Amino acid sequence: MVVMLTEYFIFVLLILLVLAALSVFIFEDLLYVIIIFAGYSTIMSLVWQQLNSPDIAITEAAVGIGISIILITVVAKVGRRPT
């Protein structure tokens, strides 16, 4: 039962990853795209954690947070809409 629940949870996370990757093409606002990217990174770190790779999960979370902060700073300087 526990193995089935873990596999189901990973399957749901992978579906969310695909939806997040496809939703990047829908939005034109760059801030929304960055928020989706941060969610993608968070979900991916949960997937790594479920696959018993905590070192990769921590790295994914740290890099995702760092890049998201840098990208939000750039969007604040440049603007939210692409030209």
N, C-alpha and C. Protein backbone atom coordinates (compact mmCIF):
# COMPACT_ATOMS: atom_id res chain seq x y z
N MET A 1 0.82 -1.20 0.00
CA MET A 1 0.00 0.00 0.00
C MET A 1 0.86 1.26 0.00
N VAL A 2 1.94 1.24 0.78
CA VAL A 2 2.80 2.41 0.87
C VAL A 2 3.53 2.64 -0.46
N VAL A 3 3.95 1.57 -1.10
CA VAL A 3 4.64 1.70 -2.38
C VAL A 3 3.70 2.28 -3.43
N MET A 4 2.46 1.84 -3.44
CA MET A 4 1.48 2.35 -4.40
C MET A 4 1.22 3.83 -4.17
N LEU A 5 1.13 4.24 -2.92
CA LEU A 5 0.88 5.64 -2.60
C LEU A 5 2.05 6.51 -3.03
N THR A 6 3.27 6.05 -2.82
CA THR A 6 4.45 6.80 -3.23
C THR A 6 4.53 6.92 -4.75
N GLU A 7 4.23 5.84 -5.45
CA GLU A 7 4.24 5.90 -6.91
C GLU A 7 3.15 6.82 -7.43
N TYR A 8 1.99 6.81 -6.79
CA TYR A 8 0.91 7.71 -7.19
C TYR A 8 1.31 9.16 -6.96
N PHE A 9 1.97 9.45 -5.83
CA PHE A 9 2.40 10.81 -5.52
C PHE A 9 3.44 11.30 -6.54
N ILE A 10 4.38 10.44 -6.90
CA ILE A 10 5.37 10.81 -7.91
C ILE A 10 4.70 11.06 -9.25
N PHE A 11 3.71 10.24 -9.61
CA PHE A 11 2.99 10.42 -10.85
C PHE A 11 2.27 11.77 -10.88
N VAL A 12 1.63 12.15 -9.78
CA VAL A 12 0.95 13.45 -9.70
C VAL A 12 1.96 14.58 -9.81
N LEU A 13 3.11 14.45 -9.18
CA LEU A 13 4.14 15.48 -9.27
C LEU A 13 4.66 15.62 -10.70
N LEU A 14 4.82 14.51 -11.40
CA LEU A 14 5.29 14.58 -12.78
C LEU A 14 4.25 15.22 -13.70
N ILE A 15 2.97 14.97 -13.45
CA ILE A 15 1.91 15.63 -14.21
C ILE A 15 1.95 17.14 -13.96
N LEU A 16 2.17 17.53 -12.70
CA LEU A 16 2.28 18.96 -12.38
C LEU A 16 3.50 19.59 -13.06
N LEU A 17 4.59 18.84 -13.17
CA LEU A 17 5.77 19.36 -13.87
C LEU A 17 5.46 19.62 -15.34
N VAL A 18 4.77 18.72 -15.98
CA VAL A 18 4.41 18.91 -17.38
C VAL A 18 3.48 20.10 -17.54
N LEU A 19 2.51 20.24 -16.65
CA LEU A 19 1.59 21.38 -16.72
C LEU A 19 2.32 22.71 -16.50
N ALA A 20 3.28 22.72 -15.57
CA ALA A 20 4.04 23.94 -15.33
C ALA A 20 4.90 24.29 -16.54
N ALA A 21 5.50 23.29 -17.16
CA ALA A 21 6.33 23.55 -18.34
C ALA A 21 5.49 24.07 -19.50
N LEU A 22 4.30 23.53 -19.67
CA LEU A 22 3.44 23.98 -20.77
C LEU A 22 2.79 25.34 -20.48
N SER A 23 2.57 25.65 -19.22
CA SER A 23 1.92 26.92 -18.89
C SER A 23 2.84 28.12 -19.10
N VAL A 24 4.13 27.90 -19.22
CA VAL A 24 5.06 29.00 -19.50
C VAL A 24 4.72 29.64 -20.84
N PHE A 25 4.23 28.84 -21.79
CA PHE A 25 3.92 29.35 -23.11
C PHE A 25 2.62 30.15 -23.15
N ILE A 26 1.79 30.04 -22.12
CA ILE A 26 0.49 30.71 -22.10
C ILE A 26 0.62 32.17 -21.66
N PHE A 27 1.43 32.43 -20.66
CA PHE A 27 1.51 33.76 -20.06
C PHE A 27 2.52 34.64 -20.78
N GLU A 28 2.17 35.91 -20.92
CA GLU A 28 3.10 36.89 -21.51
C GLU A 28 3.79 37.73 -20.44
N ASP A 29 3.21 37.76 -19.26
CA ASP A 29 3.79 38.53 -18.16
C ASP A 29 5.00 37.76 -17.61
N LEU A 30 6.16 38.40 -17.63
CA LEU A 30 7.39 37.71 -17.22
C LEU A 30 7.40 37.35 -15.74
N LEU A 31 6.72 38.14 -14.92
CA LEU A 31 6.67 37.81 -13.50
C LEU A 31 5.90 36.51 -13.27
N TYR A 32 4.82 36.29 -14.01
CA TYR A 32 4.07 35.04 -13.91
C TYR A 32 4.94 33.85 -14.33
N VAL A 33 5.73 34.05 -15.36
CA VAL A 33 6.61 32.98 -15.85
C VAL A 33 7.65 32.63 -14.79
N ILE A 34 8.17 33.63 -14.10
CA ILE A 34 9.16 33.38 -13.05
C ILE A 34 8.51 32.64 -11.87
N ILE A 35 7.29 33.00 -11.53
CA ILE A 35 6.59 32.31 -10.45
C ILE A 35 6.34 30.85 -10.82
N ILE A 36 5.98 30.60 -12.07
CA ILE A 36 5.79 29.23 -12.53
C ILE A 36 7.11 28.46 -12.48
N PHE A 37 8.20 29.13 -12.86
CA PHE A 37 9.51 28.49 -12.80
C PHE A 37 9.88 28.13 -11.35
N ALA A 38 9.56 29.01 -10.41
CA ALA A 38 9.84 28.71 -9.01
C ALA A 38 9.02 27.52 -8.54
N GLY A 39 7.77 27.44 -8.97
CA GLY A 39 6.95 26.28 -8.64
C GLY A 39 7.48 25.01 -9.26
N TYR A 40 7.95 25.11 -10.50
CA TYR A 40 8.56 23.97 -11.18
C TYR A 40 9.77 23.46 -10.40
N SER A 41 10.59 24.38 -9.95
CA SER A 41 11.78 23.99 -9.20
C SER A 41 11.40 23.34 -7.87
N THR A 42 10.37 23.86 -7.23
CA THR A 42 9.92 23.28 -5.97
C THR A 42 9.38 21.86 -6.18
N ILE A 43 8.57 21.70 -7.20
CA ILE A 43 8.02 20.36 -7.49
C ILE A 43 9.15 19.39 -7.85
N MET A 44 10.11 19.87 -8.62
CA MET A 44 11.22 19.01 -8.99
C MET A 44 12.03 18.59 -7.77
N SER A 45 12.20 19.48 -6.81
CA SER A 45 12.93 19.10 -5.60
C SER A 45 12.13 18.07 -4.79
N LEU A 46 10.79 18.15 -4.82
CA LEU A 46 9.98 17.12 -4.17
C LEU A 46 10.12 15.78 -4.87
N VAL A 47 10.20 15.79 -6.19
CA VAL A 47 10.41 14.55 -6.93
C VAL A 47 11.75 13.92 -6.56
N TRP A 48 12.79 14.73 -6.49
CA TRP A 48 14.10 14.18 -6.10
C TRP A 48 14.06 13.63 -4.68
N GLN A 49 13.32 14.30 -3.80
CA GLN A 49 13.21 13.81 -2.43
C GLN A 49 12.49 12.46 -2.39
N GLN A 50 11.44 12.31 -3.19
CA GLN A 50 10.71 11.05 -3.24
C GLN A 50 11.54 9.93 -3.86
N LEU A 51 12.48 10.28 -4.72
CA LEU A 51 13.36 9.28 -5.32
C LEU A 51 14.59 8.99 -4.46
N ASN A 52 14.56 9.41 -3.19
CA ASN A 52 15.62 9.17 -2.21
C ASN A 52 16.96 9.77 -2.64
N SER A 53 16.90 11.01 -3.14
CA SER A 53 18.12 11.76 -3.47
C SER A 53 18.08 13.11 -2.78
N PRO A 54 18.26 13.15 -1.46
CA PRO A 54 18.11 14.41 -0.74
C PRO A 54 19.17 15.46 -1.10
N ASP A 55 20.37 15.02 -1.47
CA ASP A 55 21.39 15.99 -1.85
C ASP A 55 21.02 16.72 -3.13
N ILE A 56 20.47 16.03 -4.10
CA ILE A 56 20.03 16.67 -5.33
C ILE A 56 18.80 17.54 -5.07
N ALA A 57 17.93 17.10 -4.16
CA ALA A 57 16.73 17.89 -3.83
C ALA A 57 17.10 19.22 -3.19
N ILE A 58 18.05 19.19 -2.28
CA ILE A 58 18.48 20.43 -1.63
C ILE A 58 19.16 21.35 -2.64
N THR A 59 19.97 20.79 -3.53
CA THR A 59 20.63 21.59 -4.56
C THR A 59 19.61 22.21 -5.50
N GLU A 60 18.61 21.43 -5.92
CA GLU A 60 17.56 21.94 -6.80
C GLU A 60 16.79 23.09 -6.13
N ALA A 61 16.47 22.93 -4.87
CA ALA A 61 15.74 23.98 -4.15
C ALA A 61 16.58 25.24 -4.02
N ALA A 62 17.85 25.09 -3.68
CA ALA A 62 18.72 26.25 -3.50
C ALA A 62 18.95 26.99 -4.81
N VAL A 63 19.23 26.24 -5.87
CA VAL A 63 19.46 26.87 -7.17
C VAL A 63 18.18 27.52 -7.68
N GLY A 64 17.05 26.86 -7.49
CA GLY A 64 15.77 27.42 -7.93
C GLY A 64 15.44 28.72 -7.21
N ILE A 65 15.68 28.78 -5.92
CA ILE A 65 15.43 30.01 -5.17
C ILE A 65 16.39 31.11 -5.61
N GLY A 66 17.66 30.77 -5.77
CA GLY A 66 18.65 31.78 -6.19
C GLY A 66 18.34 32.36 -7.56
N ILE A 67 18.04 31.50 -8.52
CA ILE A 67 17.75 31.98 -9.87
C ILE A 67 16.45 32.77 -9.89
N SER A 68 15.46 32.35 -9.11
CA SER A 68 14.20 33.07 -9.06
C SER A 68 14.39 34.49 -8.53
N ILE A 69 15.21 34.63 -7.49
CA ILE A 69 15.47 35.96 -6.93
C ILE A 69 16.19 36.84 -7.96
N ILE A 70 17.17 36.27 -8.64
CA ILE A 70 17.89 37.04 -9.66
C ILE A 70 16.95 37.45 -10.79
N LEU A 71 16.10 36.52 -11.24
CA LEU A 71 15.18 36.83 -12.33
C LEU A 71 14.13 37.87 -11.92
N ILE A 72 13.65 37.81 -10.69
CA ILE A 72 12.69 38.82 -10.22
C ILE A 72 13.36 40.19 -10.17
N THR A 73 14.62 40.24 -9.76
CA THR A 73 15.35 41.52 -9.75
C THR A 73 15.51 42.07 -11.16
N VAL A 74 15.81 41.22 -12.12
CA VAL A 74 15.95 41.67 -13.51
C VAL A 74 14.62 42.16 -14.06
N VAL A 75 13.54 41.44 -13.76
CA VAL A 75 12.21 41.86 -14.26
C VAL A 75 11.80 43.18 -13.62
N ALA A 76 12.19 43.40 -12.37
CA ALA A 76 11.87 44.68 -11.72
C ALA A 76 12.58 45.83 -12.40
N LYS A 77 13.78 45.59 -12.90
CA LYS A 77 14.54 46.65 -13.58
C LYS A 77 14.09 46.83 -15.03
N VAL A 78 13.79 45.73 -15.73
CA VAL A 78 13.49 45.78 -17.17
C VAL A 78 12.02 46.07 -17.44
N GLY A 79 11.15 45.40 -16.73
CA GLY A 79 9.72 45.52 -16.96
C GLY A 79 9.09 44.15 -17.09
N ARG A 80 7.77 44.09 -16.87
CA ARG A 80 7.10 42.81 -16.83
C ARG A 80 6.67 42.31 -18.19
N ARG A 81 6.50 43.19 -19.15
CA ARG A 81 6.03 42.79 -20.48
C ARG A 81 7.18 42.76 -21.47
N PRO A 82 7.26 41.71 -22.29
CA PRO A 82 8.31 41.69 -23.32
C PRO A 82 7.96 42.68 -24.43
N THR A 83 8.97 43.22 -25.06
CA THR A 83 8.74 44.19 -26.11
C THR A 83 8.72 43.54 -27.47
